[in-house]
Amino acid sequence: MENTDRFKLSQYASALLLIVSSIGLVAYQVVMIDDVSGGLLVYVAQAFLLAASIFGLDYYVKLLTRKINGKHPTV
């Protein structure tokens, strides 16, 4: 595996871990307390924002690279 492959794998793993941990924390708090606190909602929002940024930024860089190299993206 190249260094870039390991880096991308770690990016995707951390994004997935952020999403799963935020969903798990909300589920735990709903089951135990029947309520979701404001602080946890802030954590969930920031976790989803960071995960979306990781996936979106990677796509944007690939799109720009294709445009610079003259290849048209096939969606």
Protein backbone atom coordinates (compact mmCIF):
# COMPACT_ATOMS: atom_id res chain seq x y z
CA MET A 1 0.00 0.00 0.00
CA GLU A 2 1.26 3.46 -0.82
CA ASN A 3 1.39 6.29 1.65
CA THR A 4 -1.49 8.09 -0.08
CA ASP A 5 -3.66 4.97 0.10
CA ARG A 6 -3.04 4.68 3.83
CA PHE A 7 -3.79 8.36 4.28
CA LYS A 8 -7.10 8.07 2.40
CA LEU A 9 -8.00 4.96 4.35
CA SER A 10 -7.32 6.75 7.64
CA GLN A 11 -9.40 9.73 6.46
CA TYR A 12 -12.37 7.58 5.57
CA ALA A 13 -12.04 5.52 8.74
CA SER A 14 -12.00 8.62 10.94
CA ALA A 15 -15.00 10.08 9.11
CA LEU A 16 -16.91 6.83 9.52
CA LEU A 17 -15.91 6.62 13.18
CA LEU A 18 -17.16 10.16 13.78
CA ILE A 19 -20.54 9.37 12.25
CA VAL A 20 -20.93 6.07 14.09
CA SER A 21 -19.84 7.53 17.43
CA SER A 22 -22.25 10.45 17.20
CA ILE A 23 -25.16 8.18 16.31
CA GLY A 24 -24.19 5.79 19.11
CA LEU A 25 -24.00 8.57 21.70
CA VAL A 26 -27.41 9.93 20.69
CA ALA A 27 -28.96 6.46 20.80
CA TYR A 28 -27.47 5.80 24.23
CA GLN A 29 -28.70 9.10 25.62
CA VAL A 30 -32.21 8.63 24.20
CA VAL A 31 -32.47 5.15 25.69
CA MET A 32 -31.08 6.09 29.10
CA ILE A 33 -32.47 9.61 29.62
CA ASP A 34 -35.22 9.95 26.96
CA ASP A 35 -33.69 13.28 25.96
CA VAL A 36 -30.78 14.65 23.93
CA SER A 37 -28.72 17.45 25.47
CA GLY A 38 -27.61 20.52 23.61
CA GLY A 39 -23.93 19.70 23.98
CA LEU A 40 -24.39 16.35 22.33
CA LEU A 41 -26.27 17.96 19.46
CA VAL A 42 -23.33 20.31 18.93
CA TYR A 43 -20.97 17.29 18.86
CA VAL A 44 -23.21 15.51 16.34
CA ALA A 45 -23.37 18.60 14.12
CA GLN A 46 -19.60 19.06 14.17
CA ALA A 47 -18.95 15.35 13.59
CA PHE A 48 -21.24 15.28 10.56
CA LEU A 49 -19.77 18.53 9.24
CA LEU A 50 -16.21 17.20 9.52
CA ALA A 51 -17.15 13.87 7.94
CA ALA A 52 -18.94 15.62 5.07
CA SER A 53 -15.94 17.88 4.61
CA ILE A 54 -13.59 14.92 4.40
CA PHE A 55 -15.67 13.17 1.74
CA GLY A 56 -16.60 16.37 -0.13
CA LEU A 57 -13.10 17.80 -0.21
CA ASP A 58 -11.69 14.57 -1.61
CA TYR A 59 -14.30 14.59 -4.39
CA TYR A 60 -13.62 18.26 -5.14
CA VAL A 61 -9.87 17.69 -5.42
CA LYS A 62 -10.43 14.74 -7.77
CA LEU A 63 -12.76 16.86 -9.90
CA LEU A 64 -10.21 19.69 -10.13
CA THR A 65 -7.42 17.25 -10.95
CA ARG A 66 -9.45 15.78 -13.79
CA LYS A 67 -10.27 19.25 -15.11
CA ILE A 68 -6.61 20.31 -15.01
CA ASN A 69 -5.48 17.13 -16.74
CA GLY A 70 -8.12 17.56 -19.45
CA LYS A 71 -10.15 14.48 -18.56
CA HIS A 72 -13.89 14.91 -18.39
CA PRO A 73 -15.55 13.32 -15.39
CA THR A 74 -17.86 10.43 -16.11
CA VAL A 75 -20.61 10.40 -13.55
